[in-house]
Amino acid sequence: MEYLSTDPLLTAEQSAAEITLSLPGFWKAVQACRMPQPYYPASRAPRWRLSELRVAVEQTRSLPCIQKMARRAARYQAAA
C-alpha cells in the first residue's frame, strides 16, 4: 500500500479521538484486531496512519450488515 506524505501518523490519543473511542476502548480494538496494529518509529512510540484507521472503521461498520446477511442466508437455506 502506498502512503501519501500527507497521511499523518497519529498517537494513540489522537487515533482514539479520530474514531471517537476512549483510549482504553481504542487499545481493546487494536488488541482484538478491529483496528490496525501500530507502527513503532521509535521504541515506546506507537503510531497509526490516519488512512488505515479510516479504512478499519468502515470495515468495522459493515460487519453487522454482513453478519445479518449471512444469518438470513442460513435461515433461507435451512427452510428450503
Protein backbone atom coordinates (compact mmCIF):
# COMPACT_ATOMS: atom_id res chain seq x y z
CA MET A 1 0.00 0.00 0.00
CA GLU A 2 1.38 3.41 -0.94
CA TYR A 3 1.12 6.24 1.53
CA LEU A 4 0.96 9.90 0.72
CA SER A 5 3.22 12.29 2.51
CA THR A 6 0.04 13.98 3.72
CA ASP A 7 -1.08 10.80 5.53
CA PRO A 8 -0.12 11.65 9.12
CA LEU A 9 0.98 9.24 11.81
CA LEU A 10 -1.21 9.67 14.89
CA THR A 11 -0.56 8.88 18.54
CA ALA A 12 -2.88 6.55 20.45
CA GLU A 13 -4.71 9.53 21.95
CA GLN A 14 -5.15 11.21 18.56
CA SER A 15 -6.25 7.93 16.96
CA ALA A 16 -8.83 7.28 19.67
CA ALA A 17 -10.19 10.81 19.28
CA GLU A 18 -10.32 10.44 15.49
CA ILE A 19 -12.56 7.37 15.67
CA THR A 20 -14.44 8.59 18.76
CA LEU A 21 -13.39 5.89 21.20
CA SER A 22 -11.97 6.18 24.67
CA LEU A 23 -8.27 5.41 24.94
CA PRO A 24 -8.88 2.04 26.69
CA GLY A 25 -11.56 1.21 24.11
CA PHE A 26 -9.15 2.02 21.30
CA TRP A 27 -6.47 -0.26 22.74
CA LYS A 28 -9.03 -3.06 23.14
CA ALA A 29 -9.99 -2.65 19.48
CA VAL A 30 -6.32 -2.86 18.48
CA GLN A 31 -5.86 -5.97 20.61
CA ALA A 32 -8.98 -7.56 19.05
CA CYS A 33 -7.59 -6.74 15.56
CA ARG A 34 -10.53 -4.49 14.70
CA MET A 35 -8.06 -1.61 14.35
CA PRO A 36 -4.66 -1.85 12.62
CA GLN A 37 -1.53 -2.70 14.54
CA PRO A 38 0.70 0.30 15.31
CA TYR A 39 3.95 1.33 13.68
CA TYR A 40 6.86 1.99 16.00
CA PRO A 41 9.05 4.73 14.50
CA ALA A 42 10.81 4.81 17.89
CA SER A 43 10.65 2.44 20.82
CA ARG A 44 7.62 3.01 23.04
CA ALA A 45 6.10 5.36 20.45
CA PRO A 46 3.20 3.59 18.70
CA ARG A 47 1.68 5.42 15.73
CA TRP A 48 -1.20 4.75 13.34
CA ARG A 49 -1.77 6.04 9.83
CA LEU A 50 -4.93 8.09 9.52
CA SER A 51 -5.92 6.40 6.25
CA GLU A 52 -5.62 2.91 7.79
CA LEU A 53 -7.78 3.94 10.74
CA ARG A 54 -10.49 5.25 8.42
CA VAL A 55 -10.47 2.03 6.38
CA ALA A 56 -10.69 -0.05 9.57
CA VAL A 57 -13.64 2.00 10.83
CA GLU A 58 -15.51 1.49 7.55
CA GLN A 59 -14.82 -2.26 7.65
CA THR A 60 -15.98 -2.45 11.27
CA ARG A 61 -19.19 -0.58 10.44
CA SER A 62 -20.01 -3.05 7.67
CA LEU A 63 -19.58 -6.12 9.91
CA PRO A 64 -23.10 -6.12 11.42
CA CYS A 65 -24.66 -5.82 7.96
CA ILE A 66 -22.55 -8.69 6.59
CA GLN A 67 -23.34 -10.87 9.60
CA LYS A 68 -27.05 -10.12 9.26
CA MET A 69 -26.99 -11.14 5.58
CA ALA A 70 -25.19 -14.39 6.48
CA ARG A 71 -27.82 -15.23 9.11
CA ARG A 72 -30.63 -14.57 6.63
CA ALA A 73 -28.97 -16.78 4.02
CA ALA A 74 -28.53 -19.58 6.55
CA ARG A 75 -32.20 -19.39 7.58
CA TYR A 76 -33.26 -19.39 3.94
CA GLN A 77 -31.17 -22.47 3.20
CA ALA A 78 -32.46 -24.26 6.31
CA ALA A 79 -36.07 -23.55 5.31
CA ALA A 80 -35.57 -24.77 1.74
